[in-house]
């Protein structure tokens, strides 16, 4: 059976994707930062906690036996961000963390990595014309 790993499985996009995959023939593993409550879990999804995402995250437990990674985890939509250097904080997760995931996936023999981003990256509105 083919196995997919969804990063950011407890986030807005990742949770919706896990819900859809739970109704498919794919065995699905969701990676999350920490332990989830039973109410936050999607049935039929195996969850693995990987901690915070950066250049040092150990993805090995999440990637073991995985054929495909759908990468939904990111630092996004931080309403009340307390970081002193917000750009560096975003780059730590979204650039260095993603590169680290890709390197771990290649080393684990993952055949496909799908990088997902929400439309929010385009801003709150689009100007006419």
Protein backbone atom coordinates (compact mmCIF):
# COMPACT_ATOMS: atom_id res chain seq x y z
CA UNK A 1 0.00 0.00 0.00
CA UNK A 2 1.27 3.47 -0.85
CA UNK A 3 1.84 5.85 2.08
CA UNK A 4 1.58 9.65 2.07
CA UNK A 5 2.96 11.99 4.71
CA UNK A 6 1.14 15.31 5.13
CA UNK A 7 3.19 17.95 6.93
CA UNK A 8 1.24 20.53 8.88
CA UNK A 9 -1.54 17.99 9.35
CA UNK A 10 -3.19 20.01 12.12
CA UNK A 11 -3.26 23.25 10.13
CA UNK A 12 -6.08 24.62 8.00
CA UNK A 13 -4.97 23.12 4.67
CA UNK A 14 -3.29 20.01 6.12
CA UNK A 15 -6.29 18.98 8.22
CA UNK A 16 -8.64 19.32 5.23
CA UNK A 17 -6.26 17.27 3.10
CA UNK A 18 -6.00 14.57 5.80
CA UNK A 19 -9.79 14.42 6.01
CA UNK A 20 -10.02 13.84 2.23
CA UNK A 21 -7.19 11.27 2.30
CA UNK A 22 -8.85 9.39 5.19
CA UNK A 23 -11.62 8.50 2.72
CA UNK A 24 -9.18 7.21 0.09
CA UNK A 25 -7.13 4.04 -0.30
CA UNK A 26 -3.93 5.87 0.71
CA UNK A 27 -2.34 5.13 4.07
CA UNK A 28 -1.73 8.58 5.52
CA UNK A 29 0.65 9.83 8.17
CA UNK A 30 0.25 13.37 9.41
CA UNK A 31 3.22 15.22 10.83
CA UNK A 32 2.49 17.79 13.53
CA UNK A 33 4.58 19.84 15.96
CA UNK A 34 3.27 18.14 19.11
CA UNK A 35 0.77 15.66 20.44
CA UNK A 36 -2.84 16.26 19.38
CA UNK A 37 -5.95 15.73 21.46
CA UNK A 38 -8.33 13.01 20.27
CA UNK A 39 -10.78 15.72 19.17
CA UNK A 40 -8.16 17.23 16.82
CA UNK A 41 -7.32 13.94 15.11
CA UNK A 42 -8.84 12.77 11.83
CA UNK A 43 -9.87 9.08 11.98
CA UNK A 44 -7.63 6.65 10.04
CA UNK A 45 -4.68 9.07 10.09
CA UNK A 46 -1.46 8.11 11.89
CA UNK A 47 0.14 11.16 13.54
CA UNK A 48 3.83 11.74 14.23
CA UNK A 49 5.14 14.69 16.24
CA UNK A 50 8.28 16.25 14.73
CA UNK A 51 8.59 19.37 16.89
CA UNK A 52 9.23 22.84 15.51
CA UNK A 53 10.20 23.07 11.86
CA UNK A 54 13.61 24.51 11.00
CA UNK A 55 16.93 23.39 9.53
CA UNK A 56 17.46 20.84 12.31
CA UNK A 57 14.08 19.06 12.40
CA UNK A 58 14.43 15.28 12.38
CA UNK A 59 11.87 14.12 9.82
CA UNK A 60 12.95 10.44 9.99
CA UNK A 61 9.96 9.14 12.01
CA UNK A 62 7.49 10.91 9.73
CA UNK A 63 9.17 9.79 6.48
CA UNK A 64 9.84 6.13 7.25
CA UNK A 65 8.14 4.00 4.57
CA UNK A 66 6.62 7.03 2.82
CA UNK A 67 6.24 7.25 -0.96
CA UNK A 68 5.02 10.85 -1.19
CA UNK A 69 5.17 13.96 1.01
CA UNK A 70 2.59 16.71 0.70
CA UNK A 71 4.20 19.68 2.43
CA UNK A 72 1.55 21.97 3.95
CA UNK A 73 3.47 23.08 7.06
CA UNK A 74 4.59 26.69 7.13
CA UNK A 75 4.78 29.79 9.24
CA UNK A 76 1.79 31.78 8.05
CA UNK A 77 -0.84 34.29 9.12
CA UNK A 78 0.77 35.18 12.42
CA UNK A 79 -1.73 37.75 13.72
CA UNK A 80 0.16 38.78 16.84
CA UNK A 81 3.75 37.85 16.02
CA UNK A 82 6.17 38.55 18.85
CA UNK A 83 9.35 37.83 16.88
CA UNK A 84 11.93 40.59 16.84
CA UNK A 85 12.92 39.68 13.27
CA UNK A 86 9.77 38.46 11.54
CA UNK A 87 11.42 37.92 8.15
CA UNK A 88 14.12 35.72 9.72
CA UNK A 89 11.44 33.75 11.59
CA UNK A 90 9.53 33.10 8.36
CA UNK A 91 12.71 32.11 6.52
CA UNK A 92 13.73 29.73 9.31
CA UNK A 93 10.54 27.69 8.89
CA UNK A 94 9.51 28.28 5.28
CA UNK A 95 12.92 28.21 3.60
CA UNK A 96 15.40 26.37 5.83
CA UNK A 97 12.74 24.03 7.21
CA UNK A 98 11.45 23.14 3.75
CA UNK A 99 14.97 22.56 2.40
CA UNK A 100 15.70 20.31 5.38
CA UNK A 101 12.49 18.34 4.70
CA UNK A 102 13.42 17.91 1.01
CA UNK A 103 16.89 16.64 1.95
CA UNK A 104 15.47 14.19 4.51
CA UNK A 105 12.83 13.01 2.02
CA UNK A 106 15.47 12.32 -0.65
CA UNK A 107 17.62 10.45 1.87
CA UNK A 108 14.59 8.39 2.97
CA UNK A 109 13.81 7.38 -0.63
CA UNK A 110 10.62 9.41 -0.91
CA UNK A 111 9.76 9.52 -4.60
CA UNK A 112 7.64 12.68 -4.70
CA UNK A 113 7.38 15.90 -2.70
CA UNK A 114 4.42 18.18 -3.36
CA UNK A 115 4.84 21.71 -2.00
CA UNK A 116 1.53 23.38 -1.11
CA UNK A 117 0.85 26.99 -0.22
CA UNK A 118 -2.40 28.77 0.44
CA UNK A 119 -3.72 31.65 -1.63
CA UNK A 120 -3.12 33.93 1.35
CA UNK A 121 0.39 34.55 0.02
CA UNK A 122 -1.20 36.83 -2.59
CA UNK A 123 -2.55 39.24 0.02
CA UNK A 124 -5.94 40.31 1.30
CA UNK A 125 -7.31 41.70 -1.96
CA UNK A 126 -6.59 42.20 -5.63
CA UNK A 127 -6.75 45.68 -7.12
CA UNK A 128 -8.89 46.10 -10.22
CA UNK A 129 -7.02 46.74 -13.47
